[in-house]
Amino acid sequence: MTRPTRARAEGLRDAALVRAFTDAVAGKTEGLYASLAFSSRLPGPRPNLDLAEAVALECVAKGASAERLVTAMTTLGAVEAPGGSPYEFIPMVGVIAVGALGASLAKFRPRAVALLHDAATDLRYRVRGVVPSALARIGEVEGDALVASTADWTDGYFHAAALVLALAEERWLAALDDRDEVLARLDEAFSLAETAPRAAERYPGRKALVEALAEVPVALTVRFGQPVLELLARHSKTKMPELREAIEKTLASKKISGRHVDGVAMVRAALAASETAPRDPTRLIKGMRGRGKKAKAR
């Protein structure tokens, strides 16, 4: 996941960019789009997130007059901004700006959350990657209310992955008090991954969700403690190896293994109790799957 830097005190400093931004707010986006693409650092591994943050701050300064621009950037399609090209940076900037403007402008907030919901399933992974931080930015202001209003995000793989990653962001996590609502979203995300049909097991969205579930519970355990581990113990009954590995990864974290010894032991015991035993343990050879010609000839 791509994580933008925290908001800085300054916006755009380059005079030409300021003029291009002013024109874009007025509806003439060509200059700004070209400048952003030129300075994007894409398709390299490190997009220019400082520039994206500066544009976001300028949008906040413009207030409601920037709504049209951030919407246009966020919804710029793959034809105009192909994935892997410098122009992919434009919708990335849009997503970051949507989060910043949604956090600062209450009237725009529902629209901002809806735009982020759509961006969470964008085919361009860099655009999807900045959604959690943008959502967490709004969550820092909305707190528990946003957790409740985003319950429908756990109906889809990419959406659920973005939501739980956002919940684990420090800025939103620190603003949360309703532990039960947070755990409900995490529980729903685990259930979504567990009940996936076989055809969806290799789907990128489900893989993204499983990866998120291997990362998020650590931060939530640090914040909310034992109840998170109790939830993991309940989901340890799953037979899906990738989910069991995700839970194991959480248990291995030094951030919780020393502070929650009994809770970690409880989850490990639940994993061990639900482990599927081989049909004939005496004939099991470690590292052998038993699907070759010799196995079939037995």
C-alpha atoms as a PDB file:
ATOM      1  CA  MET A   1       0.000   0.000   0.000  1.00  0.00           C
ATOM      2  CA  THR A   2       1.236   3.494  -0.841  1.00  0.00           C
ATOM      3  CA  ARG A   3       1.207   5.819   2.140  1.00  0.00           C
ATOM      4  CA  PRO A   4       1.379   9.555   1.503  1.00  0.00           C
ATOM      5  CA  THR A   5       3.210  11.743   3.967  1.00  0.00           C
ATOM      6  CA  ARG A   6       1.275  13.617   6.629  1.00  0.00           C
ATOM      7  CA  ALA A   7      -0.043  17.022   5.627  1.00  0.00           C
ATOM      8  CA  ARG A   8       2.586  19.736   5.496  1.00  0.00           C
ATOM      9  CA  ALA A   9       2.080  23.405   6.312  1.00  0.00           C
ATOM     10  CA  GLU A  10       2.687  24.569   2.745  1.00  0.00           C
ATOM     11  CA  GLY A  11       1.066  23.950  -0.605  1.00  0.00           C
ATOM     12  CA  LEU A  12       2.458  24.604  -4.064  1.00  0.00           C
ATOM     13  CA  ARG A  13       5.471  26.887  -4.245  1.00  0.00           C
ATOM     14  CA  ASP A  14       6.287  26.818  -7.970  1.00  0.00           C
ATOM     15  CA  ALA A  15       4.671  29.836  -9.650  1.00  0.00           C
ATOM     16  CA  ALA A  16       3.907  27.968 -12.866  1.00  0.00           C
ATOM     17  CA  LEU A  17       2.203  25.158 -10.932  1.00  0.00           C
ATOM     18  CA  VAL A  18       0.190  27.665  -8.930  1.00  0.00           C
ATOM     19  CA  ARG A  19      -1.057  29.239 -12.155  1.00  0.00           C
ATOM     20  CA  ALA A  20      -1.856  25.820 -13.619  1.00  0.00           C
ATOM     21  CA  PHE A  21      -3.733  24.875 -10.455  1.00  0.00           C
ATOM     22  CA  THR A  22      -5.734  28.107 -10.523  1.00  0.00           C
ATOM     23  CA  ASP A  23      -6.671  27.460 -14.144  1.00  0.00           C
ATOM     24  CA  ALA A  24      -7.675  23.875 -13.286  1.00  0.00           C
ATOM     25  CA  VAL A  25     -10.016  25.033 -10.539  1.00  0.00           C
ATOM     26  CA  ALA A  26     -11.631  27.248 -13.182  1.00  0.00           C
ATOM     27  CA  GLY A  27     -12.096  24.223 -15.447  1.00  0.00           C
ATOM     28  CA  LYS A  28      -8.961  24.360 -17.620  1.00  0.00           C
ATOM     29  CA  THR A  29      -7.138  21.226 -16.447  1.00  0.00           C
ATOM     30  CA  GLU A  30      -4.709  20.606 -19.347  1.00  0.00           C
ATOM     31  CA  GLY A  31      -1.797  22.554 -17.881  1.00  0.00           C
ATOM     32  CA  LEU A  32      -2.097  21.070 -14.402  1.00  0.00           C
ATOM     33  CA  TYR A  33      -2.451  17.543 -15.735  1.00  0.00           C
ATOM     34  CA  ALA A  34       0.628  17.915 -17.929  1.00  0.00           C
ATOM     35  CA  SER A  35       2.659  19.363 -15.038  1.00  0.00           C
ATOM     36  CA  LEU A  36       1.601  16.613 -12.659  1.00  0.00           C
ATOM     37  CA  ALA A  37       2.455  13.901 -15.174  1.00  0.00           C
ATOM     38  CA  PHE A  38       5.852  15.508 -15.879  1.00  0.00           C
ATOM     39  CA  SER A  39       6.737  15.663 -12.161  1.00  0.00           C
ATOM     40  CA  SER A  40       5.116  12.359 -11.170  1.00  0.00           C
ATOM     41  CA  ARG A  41       8.277  10.194 -11.121  1.00  0.00           C
ATOM     42  CA  LEU A  42       6.152   7.457 -12.664  1.00  0.00           C
ATOM     43  CA  PRO A  43       6.467   4.750 -13.797  1.00  0.00           C
ATOM     44  CA  GLY A  44       9.233   4.568 -11.189  1.00  0.00           C
ATOM     45  CA  PRO A  45       8.745   2.933  -7.789  1.00  0.00           C
ATOM     46  CA  ARG A  46       8.398   6.179  -5.819  1.00  0.00           C
ATOM     47  CA  PRO A  47       5.690   8.533  -7.059  1.00  0.00           C
ATOM     48  CA  ASN A  48       6.009  12.170  -6.061  1.00  0.00           C
ATOM     49  CA  LEU A  49       3.708  12.067  -3.049  1.00  0.00           C
ATOM     50  CA  ASP A  50       5.047  15.358  -1.689  1.00  0.00           C
ATOM     51  CA  LEU A  51       3.685  17.065  -4.794  1.00  0.00           C
ATOM     52  CA  ALA A  52       0.383  15.219  -4.414  1.00  0.00           C
ATOM     53  CA  GLU A  53       0.147  16.444  -0.830  1.00  0.00           C
ATOM     54  CA  ALA A  54       0.892  20.005  -1.894  1.00  0.00           C
ATOM     55  CA  VAL A  55      -1.927  19.890  -4.445  1.00  0.00           C
ATOM     56  CA  ALA A  56      -4.248  18.447  -1.795  1.00  0.00           C
ATOM     57  CA  LEU A  57      -3.470  21.351   0.515  1.00  0.00           C
ATOM     58  CA  GLU A  58      -4.194  23.829  -2.247  1.00  0.00           C
ATOM     59  CA  CYS A  59      -7.557  22.126  -2.744  1.00  0.00           C
ATOM     60  CA  VAL A  60      -8.290  22.470   0.960  1.00  0.00           C
ATOM     61  CA  ALA A  61      -7.443  26.164   0.761  1.00  0.00           C
ATOM     62  CA  LYS A  62      -9.865  26.591  -2.147  1.00  0.00           C
ATOM     63  CA  GLY A  63     -12.639  24.824  -0.276  1.00  0.00           C
ATOM     64  CA  ALA A  64     -15.867  24.065  -2.126  1.00  0.00           C
ATOM     65  CA  SER A  65     -14.542  25.624  -5.342  1.00  0.00           C
ATOM     66  CA  ALA A  66     -12.069  22.702  -5.611  1.00  0.00           C
ATOM     67  CA  GLU A  67     -14.743  19.986  -5.469  1.00  0.00           C
ATOM     68  CA  ARG A  68     -15.134  19.796  -9.236  1.00  0.00           C
ATOM     69  CA  LEU A  69     -11.374  19.494  -9.771  1.00  0.00           C
ATOM     70  CA  VAL A  70     -10.760  16.747  -7.198  1.00  0.00           C
ATOM     71  CA  THR A  71     -13.730  14.808  -8.573  1.00  0.00           C
ATOM     72  CA  ALA A  72     -12.412  15.116 -12.124  1.00  0.00           C
ATOM     73  CA  MET A  73      -8.912  13.970 -11.144  1.00  0.00           C
ATOM     74  CA  THR A  74     -10.169  11.030  -9.082  1.00  0.00           C
ATOM     75  CA  THR A  75     -12.482   9.780 -11.829  1.00  0.00           C
ATOM     76  CA  LEU A  76     -10.017  10.251 -14.686  1.00  0.00           C
ATOM     77  CA  GLY A  77     -10.220   6.944 -16.547  1.00  0.00           C
ATOM     78  CA  ALA A  78      -7.580   4.527 -17.750  1.00  0.00           C
ATOM     79  CA  VAL A  79      -7.864   5.784 -21.324  1.00  0.00           C
ATOM     80  CA  GLU A  80      -6.738   9.282 -20.359  1.00  0.00           C
ATOM     81  CA  ALA A  81      -4.471   8.099 -17.525  1.00  0.00           C
ATOM     82  CA  PRO A  82      -3.197   4.583 -18.316  1.00  0.00           C
ATOM     83  CA  GLY A  83      -1.808   2.474 -15.523  1.00  0.00           C
ATOM     84  CA  GLY A  84       1.978   2.499 -15.445  1.00  0.00           C
ATOM     85  CA  SER A  85       2.179   5.842 -17.243  1.00  0.00           C
ATOM     86  CA  PRO A  86       3.039   9.247 -15.750  1.00  0.00           C
ATOM     87  CA  TYR A  87      -0.617  10.204 -16.146  1.00  0.00           C
ATOM     88  CA  GLU A  88      -1.658   7.592 -13.574  1.00  0.00           C
ATOM     89  CA  PHE A  89      -0.371  10.117 -11.061  1.00  0.00           C
ATOM     90  CA  ILE A  90      -3.352  12.398 -11.731  1.00  0.00           C
ATOM     91  CA  PRO A  91      -6.038  10.110 -10.221  1.00  0.00           C
ATOM     92  CA  MET A  92      -3.620   9.344  -7.401  1.00  0.00           C
ATOM     93  CA  VAL A  93      -3.457  13.061  -6.644  1.00  0.00           C
ATOM     94  CA  GLY A  94      -7.233  13.166  -6.925  1.00  0.00           C
ATOM     95  CA  VAL A  95      -7.706  10.432  -4.322  1.00  0.00           C
ATOM     96  CA  ILE A  96      -5.310  12.123  -1.890  1.00  0.00           C
ATOM     97  CA  ALA A  97      -7.020  15.475  -2.452  1.00  0.00           C
ATOM     98  CA  VAL A  98     -10.467  13.905  -1.965  1.00  0.00           C
ATOM     99  CA  GLY A  99      -9.362  12.656   1.442  1.00  0.00           C
ATOM    100  CA  ALA A 100      -7.965  16.040   2.426  1.00  0.00           C
ATOM    101  CA  LEU A 101     -10.992  17.999   1.197  1.00  0.00           C
ATOM    102  CA  GLY A 102     -13.411  15.497   2.727  1.00  0.00           C
ATOM    103  CA  ALA A 103     -11.672  15.888   6.070  1.00  0.00           C
ATOM    104  CA  SER A 104     -11.876  19.682   5.966  1.00  0.00           C
ATOM    105  CA  LEU A 105     -15.269  20.215   4.320  1.00  0.00           C
ATOM    106  CA  ALA A 106     -18.217  18.529   6.055  1.00  0.00           C
ATOM    107  CA  LYS A 107     -20.650  19.093   3.182  1.00  0.00           C
ATOM    108  CA  PHE A 108     -18.322  17.347   0.758  1.00  0.00           C
ATOM    109  CA  ARG A 109     -17.632  14.409   3.083  1.00  0.00           C
ATOM    110  CA  PRO A 110     -20.347  11.982   1.893  1.00  0.00           C
ATOM    111  CA  ARG A 111     -19.329  12.599  -1.710  1.00  0.00           C
ATOM    112  CA  ALA A 112     -15.688  12.104  -0.767  1.00  0.00           C
ATOM    113  CA  VAL A 113     -16.392   8.721   0.841  1.00  0.00           C
ATOM    114  CA  ALA A 114     -18.377   7.658  -2.238  1.00  0.00           C
ATOM    115  CA  LEU A 115     -15.497   8.656  -4.536  1.00  0.00           C
ATOM    116  CA  LEU A 116     -13.049   6.677  -2.409  1.00  0.00           C
ATOM    117  CA  HIS A 117     -15.399   3.699  -2.461  1.00  0.00           C
ATOM    118  CA  ASP A 118     -15.253   3.712  -6.256  1.00  0.00           C
ATOM    119  CA  ALA A 119     -11.483   4.294  -6.334  1.00  0.00           C
ATOM    120  CA  ALA A 120     -10.929   1.247  -4.080  1.00  0.00           C
ATOM    121  CA  THR A 121     -11.711  -1.003  -7.057  1.00  0.00           C
ATOM    122  CA  ASP A 122      -9.743   0.961  -9.642  1.00  0.00           C
ATOM    123  CA  LEU A 123      -7.869  -1.354 -12.006  1.00  0.00           C
ATOM    124  CA  ARG A 124      -4.715   0.751 -11.497  1.00  0.00           C
ATOM    125  CA  TYR A 125      -3.045  -0.554  -8.349  1.00  0.00           C
ATOM    126  CA  ARG A 126      -1.296   2.720  -7.544  1.00  0.00           C
ATOM    127  CA  VAL A 127      -4.646   4.498  -7.461  1.00  0.00           C
ATOM    128  CA  ARG A 128      -6.124   1.801  -5.200  1.00  0.00           C
ATOM    129  CA  GLY A 129      -3.034   2.016  -3.028  1.00  0.00           C
ATOM    130  CA  VAL A 130      -3.665   5.575  -1.813  1.00  0.00           C
ATOM    131  CA  VAL A 131      -7.322   4.991  -0.902  1.00  0.00           C
ATOM    132  CA  PRO A 132      -6.735   3.683   2.670  1.00  0.00           C
ATOM    133  CA  SER A 133      -4.738   6.729   3.732  1.00  0.00           C
ATOM    134  CA  ALA A 134      -7.255   9.073   2.119  1.00  0.00           C
ATOM    135  CA  LEU A 135     -10.121   7.339   3.923  1.00  0.00           C
ATOM    136  CA  ALA A 136      -8.188   7.413   7.204  1.00  0.00           C
ATOM    137  CA  ARG A 137      -7.779  11.154   6.772  1.00  0.00           C
ATOM    138  CA  ILE A 138     -11.546  11.530   6.848  1.00  0.00           C
ATOM    139  CA  GLY A 139     -11.727   9.012   9.677  1.00  0.00           C
ATOM    140  CA  GLU A 140      -9.429  11.191  11.760  1.00  0.00           C
ATOM    141  CA  VAL A 141     -12.230  13.779  11.761  1.00  0.00           C
ATOM    142  CA  GLU A 142     -15.291  11.493  11.715  1.00  0.00           C
ATOM    143  CA  GLY A 143     -13.963   8.896  14.165  1.00  0.00           C
ATOM    144  CA  ASP A 144     -16.417   6.153  15.116  1.00  0.00           C
ATOM    145  CA  ALA A 145     -19.193   7.539  12.906  1.00  0.00           C
ATOM    146  CA  LEU A 146     -17.266   6.675   9.757  1.00  0.00           C
ATOM    147  CA  VAL A 147     -16.671   3.113  10.969  1.00  0.00           C
ATOM    148  CA  ALA A 148     -20.421   2.588  11.234  1.00  0.00           C
ATOM    149  CA  SER A 149     -21.240   4.257   7.919  1.00  0.00           C
ATOM    150  CA  THR A 150     -18.709   2.178   5.975  1.00  0.00           C
ATOM    151  CA  ALA A 151     -20.182  -1.199   6.956  1.00  0.00           C
ATOM    152  CA  ASP A 152     -21.125  -1.815   3.330  1.00  0.00           C
ATOM    153  CA  TRP A 153     -17.439  -1.694   2.368  1.00  0.00           C
ATOM    154  CA  THR A 154     -17.021  -5.225   3.718  1.00  0.00           C
ATOM    155  CA  ASP A 155     -19.309  -6.544   0.965  1.00  0.00           C
ATOM    156  CA  GLY A 156     -16.445  -6.551  -1.570  1.00  0.00           C
ATOM    157  CA  TYR A 157     -12.845  -7.771  -1.467  1.00  0.00           C
ATOM    158  CA  PHE A 158     -11.021  -4.614  -2.563  1.00  0.00           C
ATOM    159  CA  HIS A 159     -13.344  -2.425  -0.520  1.00  0.00           C
ATOM    160  CA  ALA A 160     -12.886  -4.530   2.616  1.00  0.00           C
ATOM    161  CA  ALA A 161      -9.103  -4.515   2.175  1.00  0.00           C
ATOM    162  CA  ALA A 162      -9.050  -0.725   1.841  1.00  0.00           C
ATOM    163  CA  LEU A 163     -11.306  -0.253   4.862  1.00  0.00           C
ATOM    164  CA  VAL A 164      -9.399  -2.450   7.299  1.00  0.00           C
ATOM    165  CA  LEU A 165      -6.083  -0.959   6.171  1.00  0.00           C
ATOM    166  CA  ALA A 166      -7.530   2.503   6.770  1.00  0.00           C
ATOM    167  CA  LEU A 167      -8.725   1.484  10.247  1.00  0.00           C
ATOM    168  CA  ALA A 168      -5.165   0.489  11.106  1.00  0.00           C
ATOM    169  CA  GLU A 169      -3.780   3.879  10.054  1.00  0.00           C
ATOM    170  CA  GLU A 170      -2.546   5.743  13.118  1.00  0.00           C
ATOM    171  CA  ARG A 171      -4.483   8.923  12.347  1.00  0.00           C
ATOM    172  CA  TRP A 172      -7.882   7.148  12.318  1.00  0.00           C
ATOM    173  CA  LEU A 173      -7.058   4.524  14.930  1.00  0.00           C
ATOM    174  CA  ALA A 174      -6.229   7.201  17.493  1.00  0.00           C
ATOM    175  CA  ALA A 175      -9.665   8.783  16.973  1.00  0.00           C
ATOM    176  CA  LEU A 176     -11.607   5.551  17.605  1.00  0.00           C
ATOM    177  CA  ASP A 177     -13.399   4.624  20.816  1.00  0.00           C
ATOM    178  CA  ASP A 178     -16.093   2.201  19.655  1.00  0.00           C
ATOM    179  CA  ARG A 179     -14.137  -1.040  19.825  1.00  0.00           C
ATOM    180  CA  ASP A 180     -17.140  -3.199  19.041  1.00  0.00           C
ATOM    181  CA  GLU A 181     -17.836  -1.413  15.754  1.00  0.00           C
ATOM    182  CA  VAL A 182     -14.187  -1.722  14.689  1.00  0.00           C
ATOM    183  CA  LEU A 183     -14.164  -5.419  15.542  1.00  0.00           C
ATOM    184  CA  ALA A 184     -17.393  -5.865  13.597  1.00  0.00           C
ATOM    185  CA  ARG A 185     -15.688  -4.573  10.434  1.00  0.00           C
ATOM    186  CA  LEU A 186     -12.681  -6.828  11.026  1.00  0.00           C
ATOM    187  CA  ASP A 187     -14.956  -9.811  11.665  1.00  0.00           C
ATOM    188  CA  GLU A 188     -16.881  -9.106   8.462  1.00  0.00           C
ATOM    189  CA  ALA A 189     -13.640  -8.847   6.493  1.00  0.00           C
ATOM    190  CA  PHE A 190     -12.431 -12.217   7.788  1.00  0.00           C
ATOM    191  CA  SER A 191     -15.805 -13.794   7.034  1.00  0.00           C
ATOM    192  CA  LEU A 192     -15.751 -12.395   3.505  1.00  0.00           C
ATOM    193  CA  ALA A 193     -12.334 -13.932   2.877  1.00  0.00           C
ATOM    194  CA  GLU A 194     -13.358 -17.251   4.458  1.00  0.00           C
ATOM    195  CA  THR A 195     -16.549 -17.685   2.474  1.00  0.00           C
ATOM    196  CA  ALA A 196     -14.983 -16.902  -0.891  1.00  0.00           C
ATOM    197  CA  PRO A 197     -15.885 -19.460  -3.557  1.00  0.00           C
ATOM    198  CA  ARG A 198     -13.053 -21.490  -5.016  1.00  0.00           C
ATOM    199  CA  ALA A 199     -13.249 -19.469  -8.225  1.00  0.00           C
ATOM    200  CA  ALA A 200     -12.373 -16.307  -6.253  1.00  0.00           C
ATOM    201  CA  GLU A 201      -9.353 -17.688  -4.398  1.00  0.00           C
ATOM    202  CA  ARG A 202      -6.935 -16.320  -6.994  1.00  0.00           C
ATOM    203  CA  TYR A 203      -8.869 -13.124  -7.578  1.00  0.00           C
ATOM    204  CA  PRO A 204      -6.627 -10.067  -6.943  1.00  0.00           C
ATOM    205  CA  GLY A 205      -9.221  -8.507  -4.661  1.00  0.00           C
ATOM    206  CA  ARG A 206      -9.330 -11.492  -2.353  1.00  0.00           C
ATOM    207  CA  LYS A 207      -5.543 -11.721  -2.331  1.00  0.00           C
ATOM    208  CA  ALA A 208      -5.421  -8.038  -1.358  1.00  0.00           C
ATOM    209  CA  LEU A 209      -7.879  -8.710   1.460  1.00  0.00           C
ATOM    210  CA  VAL A 210      -5.891 -11.663   2.809  1.00  0.00           C
ATOM    211  CA  GLU A 211      -2.716  -9.558   2.728  1.00  0.00           C
ATOM    212  CA  ALA A 212      -4.506  -6.809   4.652  1.00  0.00           C
ATOM    213  CA  LEU A 213      -5.751  -9.307   7.230  1.00  0.00           C
ATOM    214  CA  ALA A 214      -2.145 -10.352   7.819  1.00  0.00           C
ATOM    215  CA  GLU A 215      -1.176  -6.752   8.563  1.00  0.00           C
ATOM    216  CA  VAL A 216      -4.098  -5.006  10.247  1.00  0.00           C
ATOM    217  CA  PRO A 217      -4.765  -7.106  13.423  1.00  0.00           C
ATOM    218  CA  VAL A 218      -1.398  -6.140  14.906  1.00  0.00           C
ATOM    219  CA  ALA A 219      -2.263  -2.434  15.051  1.00  0.00           C
ATOM    220  CA  LEU A 220      -5.788  -3.185  16.261  1.00  0.00           C
ATOM    221  CA  THR A 221      -4.467  -5.465  19.014  1.00  0.00           C
ATOM    222  CA  VAL A 222      -2.066  -2.771  20.195  1.00  0.00           C
ATOM    223  CA  ARG A 223      -5.019  -0.356  20.361  1.00  0.00           C
ATOM    224  CA  PHE A 224      -7.832  -2.606  21.654  1.00  0.00           C
ATOM    225  CA  GLY A 225      -6.053  -5.597  23.221  1.00  0.00           C
ATOM    226  CA  GLN A 226      -7.460  -9.025  24.066  1.00  0.00           C
ATOM    227  CA  PRO A 227     -10.812  -8.800  22.183  1.00  0.00           C
ATOM    228  CA  VAL A 228      -8.951  -8.672  18.867  1.00  0.00           C
ATOM    229  CA  LEU A 229      -7.116 -11.892  19.724  1.00  0.00           C
ATOM    230  CA  GLU A 230     -10.386 -13.513  20.751  1.00  0.00           C
ATOM    231  CA  LEU A 231     -11.727 -12.667  17.292  1.00  0.00           C
ATOM    232  CA  LEU A 232      -8.655 -14.238  15.695  1.00  0.00           C
ATOM    233  CA  ALA A 233      -9.156 -17.360  17.801  1.00  0.00           C
ATOM    234  CA  ARG A 234     -12.696 -17.707  16.451  1.00  0.00           C
ATOM    235  CA  HIS A 235     -11.460 -17.402  12.872  1.00  0.00           C
ATOM    236  CA  SER A 236      -8.628 -19.862  13.508  1.00  0.00           C
ATOM    237  CA  LYS A 237     -11.102 -22.643  12.747  1.00  0.00           C
ATOM    238  CA  THR A 238     -10.739 -21.857   9.049  1.00  0.00           C
ATOM    239  CA  LYS A 239      -9.246 -24.544   6.832  1.00  0.00           C
ATOM    240  CA  MET A 240      -7.884 -22.023   4.331  1.00  0.00           C
ATOM    241  CA  PRO A 241      -4.058 -22.097   4.568  1.00  0.00           C
ATOM    242  CA  GLU A 242      -3.611 -18.481   3.482  1.00  0.00           C
ATOM    243  CA  LEU A 243      -5.872 -17.196   6.264  1.00  0.00           C
ATOM    244  CA  ARG A 244      -4.178 -19.390   8.833  1.00  0.00           C
ATOM    245  CA  GLU A 245      -0.846 -17.975   7.665  1.00  0.00           C
ATOM    246  CA  ALA A 246      -2.240 -14.455   8.009  1.00  0.00           C
ATOM    247  CA  ILE A 247      -3.204 -15.165  11.624  1.00  0.00           C
ATOM    248  CA  GLU A 248       0.217 -16.723  12.291  1.00  0.00           C
ATOM    249  CA  LYS A 249       1.869 -13.582  10.956  1.00  0.00           C
ATOM    250  CA  THR A 250      -0.036 -11.499  13.481  1.00  0.00           C
ATOM    251  CA  LEU A 251       1.000 -13.780  16.330  1.00  0.00           C
ATOM    252  CA  ALA A 252       4.656 -13.487  15.310  1.00  0.00           C
ATOM    253  CA  SER A 253       4.681  -9.709  15.678  1.00  0.00           C
ATOM    254  CA  LYS A 254       6.924  -8.494  18.477  1.00  0.00           C
ATOM    255  CA  LYS A 255       4.491  -5.638  19.060  1.00  0.00           C
ATOM    256  CA  ILE A 256       1.995  -8.014  20.665  1.00  0.00           C
ATOM    257  CA  SER A 257       3.818 -11.259  21.497  1.00  0.00           C
ATOM    258  CA  GLY A 258       5.357  -9.819  24.666  1.00  0.00           C
ATOM    259  CA  ARG A 259       2.363  -7.792  25.821  1.00  0.00           C
ATOM    260  CA  HIS A 260      -0.368 -10.377  25.196  1.00  0.00           C
ATOM    261  CA  VAL A 261       1.281 -13.691  26.036  1.00  0.00           C
ATOM    262  CA  ASP A 262      -1.918 -15.421  27.160  1.00  0.00           C
ATOM    263  CA  GLY A 263      -3.927 -14.119  24.215  1.00  0.00           C
ATOM    264  CA  VAL A 264      -1.319 -15.225  21.691  1.00  0.00           C
ATOM    265  CA  ALA A 265      -1.197 -18.658  23.335  1.00  0.00           C
ATOM    266  CA  MET A 266      -4.994 -18.877  23.108  1.00  0.00           C
ATOM    267  CA  VAL A 267      -4.956 -18.193  19.360  1.00  0.00           C
ATOM    268  CA  ARG A 268      -2.116 -20.668  18.793  1.00  0.00           C
ATOM    269  CA  ALA A 269      -4.084 -23.307  20.668  1.00  0.00           C
ATOM    270  CA  ALA A 270      -7.126 -22.602  18.496  1.00  0.00           C
ATOM    271  CA  LEU A 271      -5.021 -22.963  15.360  1.00  0.00           C
ATOM    272  CA  ALA A 272      -3.545 -26.244  16.603  1.00  0.00           C
ATOM    273  CA  ALA A 273      -6.952 -27.633  17.569  1.00  0.00           C
ATOM    274  CA  SER A 274      -8.370 -26.934  14.124  1.00  0.00           C
ATOM    275  CA  GLU A 275      -5.409 -28.200  12.150  1.00  0.00           C
ATOM    276  CA  THR A 276      -6.393 -30.897   9.699  1.00  0.00           C
ATOM    277  CA  ALA A 277      -4.669 -34.196  10.478  1.00  0.00           C
ATOM    278  CA  PRO A 278      -3.296 -36.279   7.582  1.00  0.00           C
ATOM    279  CA  ARG A 279      -5.391 -39.315   6.664  1.00  0.00           C
ATOM    280  CA  ASP A 280      -2.508 -41.654   7.461  1.00  0.00           C
ATOM    281  CA  PRO A 281       0.137 -39.848   9.533  1.00  0.00           C
ATOM    282  CA  THR A 282       2.507 -42.850   9.361  1.00  0.00           C
ATOM    283  CA  ARG A 283       2.838 -42.475   5.589  1.00  0.00           C
ATOM    284  CA  LEU A 284       3.251 -38.684   5.555  1.00  0.00           C
ATOM    285  CA  ILE A 285       6.663 -37.538   4.353  1.00  0.00           C
ATOM    286  CA  LYS A 286       7.477 -33.910   5.090  1.00  0.00           C
ATOM    287  CA  GLY A 287       7.732 -31.860   1.912  1.00  0.00           C
ATOM    288  CA  MET A 288       5.924 -34.460  -0.220  1.00  0.00           C
ATOM    289  CA  ARG A 289       2.390 -33.743  -1.415  1.00  0.00           C
ATOM    290  CA  GLY A 290       1.620 -37.333  -2.435  1.00  0.00           C
ATOM    291  CA  ARG A 291       0.076 -36.511  -5.811  1.00  0.00           C
ATOM    292  CA  GLY A 292       2.589 -38.082  -8.185  1.00  0.00           C
ATOM    293  CA  LYS A 293       2.441 -41.334 -10.125  1.00  0.00           C
ATOM    294  CA  LYS A 294       3.861 -43.346  -7.245  1.00  0.00           C
ATOM    295  CA  ALA A 295       1.187 -42.059  -4.903  1.00  0.00           C
ATOM    296  CA  LYS A 296      -1.558 -42.951  -7.346  1.00  0.00           C
ATOM    297  CA  ALA A 297      -0.103 -46.453  -7.803  1.00  0.00           C
ATOM    298  CA  ARG A 298      -0.310 -47.294  -4.088  1.00  0.00           C
END
